[in-house]
Amino acid sequence: MTFLEIGTAMGWTAGHMALALPENGDLTCVDPFTENARGISNEQNGELQLEFLLNMEACSVEKRVRLLVGESPAILPSLPPEGA
């Protein structure tokens, strides 16, 4: 079972969701990490992306969480729904 989070930032919510997943569950997170997304610099967004990855490690869920970097309208059509 796969769950989806759109707009993950530093991953606080993603970490909590991943910890609550059923044994066979995983989480896909989508975030562009670009200046246009939050009005902060690309360097700061790069730091957010690194913080996300470190937070997944700190929660020991990095193997259950997949990060897709990009705008959600571009990424979502490529994610086939399970069982559909």
Protein backbone atom coordinates (compact mmCIF):
# COMPACT_ATOMS: atom_id res chain seq x y z
CA MET A 1 0.00 0.00 0.00
CA THR A 2 1.44 3.35 -1.03
CA PHE A 3 0.57 6.69 0.51
CA LEU A 4 1.22 10.08 -1.06
CA GLU A 5 2.24 13.41 0.42
CA ILE A 6 2.30 16.49 -1.81
CA GLY A 7 4.47 19.29 -0.44
CA THR A 8 6.79 17.68 2.05
CA ALA A 9 9.27 20.47 2.95
CA MET A 10 11.57 19.20 5.71
CA GLY A 11 9.55 16.05 6.26
CA TRP A 12 8.10 16.41 9.75
CA THR A 13 4.70 15.12 8.64
CA ALA A 14 6.25 12.54 6.32
CA GLY A 15 8.27 11.10 9.19
CA HIS A 16 5.19 10.76 11.39
CA MET A 17 3.14 9.23 8.57
CA ALA A 18 5.92 6.77 7.70
CA LEU A 19 6.16 5.66 11.32
CA ALA A 20 2.41 4.96 11.35
CA LEU A 21 2.36 3.00 8.08
CA PRO A 22 1.20 -0.59 8.04
CA GLU A 23 3.97 -3.17 7.64
CA ASN A 24 3.49 -3.36 3.86
CA GLY A 25 3.11 0.41 3.43
CA ASP A 26 5.38 2.99 1.90
CA LEU A 27 5.19 6.73 1.36
CA THR A 28 5.87 8.76 -1.77
CA CYS A 29 6.59 12.44 -1.16
CA VAL A 30 6.48 15.09 -3.89
CA ASP A 31 8.09 18.51 -3.50
CA PRO A 32 9.72 20.82 -6.04
CA PHE A 33 12.32 22.30 -3.67
CA THR A 34 12.51 25.38 -5.90
CA GLU A 35 12.50 29.10 -5.24
CA ASN A 36 9.05 29.48 -6.75
CA ALA A 37 7.56 26.94 -4.35
CA ARG A 38 8.08 28.90 -1.12
CA GLY A 39 9.56 32.25 -2.06
CA ILE A 40 12.92 31.39 -0.51
CA SER A 41 16.22 30.95 -2.29
CA ASN A 42 17.20 27.81 -4.16
CA GLU A 43 20.06 27.38 -1.67
CA GLN A 44 17.58 27.38 1.23
CA ASN A 45 15.37 24.90 -0.63
CA GLY A 46 18.42 22.68 -1.16
CA GLU A 47 18.98 22.80 2.58
CA LEU A 48 15.32 21.83 3.10
CA GLN A 49 15.76 18.84 0.82
CA LEU A 50 18.83 17.71 2.76
CA GLU A 51 16.93 18.25 6.03
CA PHE A 52 14.12 16.04 4.67
CA LEU A 53 16.55 13.22 3.90
CA LEU A 54 18.24 13.53 7.30
CA ASN A 55 14.86 13.51 9.06
CA MET A 56 13.85 10.30 7.28
CA GLU A 57 17.13 8.76 8.45
CA ALA A 58 16.58 10.00 12.01
CA CYS A 59 13.15 8.33 12.02
CA SER A 60 14.65 5.15 10.51
CA VAL A 61 12.09 5.24 7.70
CA GLU A 62 14.37 6.15 4.77
CA LYS A 63 13.78 2.75 3.13
CA ARG A 64 10.00 3.24 3.22
CA VAL A 65 9.93 6.80 1.89
CA ARG A 66 10.51 7.81 -1.72
CA LEU A 67 11.14 11.47 -2.53
CA LEU A 68 10.22 12.76 -5.98
CA VAL A 69 11.58 16.24 -6.65
CA GLY A 70 9.47 18.30 -9.02
CA GLU A 71 6.17 20.11 -9.46
CA SER A 72 3.19 17.88 -8.57
CA PRO A 73 1.25 18.58 -11.83
CA ALA A 74 4.20 17.13 -13.75
CA ILE A 75 4.84 14.17 -11.44
CA LEU A 76 1.36 12.95 -10.49
CA PRO A 77 0.35 11.66 -13.96
CA SER A 78 3.39 9.34 -13.86
CA LEU A 79 2.24 7.71 -10.61
CA PRO A 80 -0.16 4.91 -11.48
CA PRO A 81 -2.82 4.26 -8.88
CA GLU A 82 -2.45 0.89 -7.18
CA GLY A 83 -5.13 -1.62 -7.97
CA ALA A 84 -6.72 0.59 -10.62
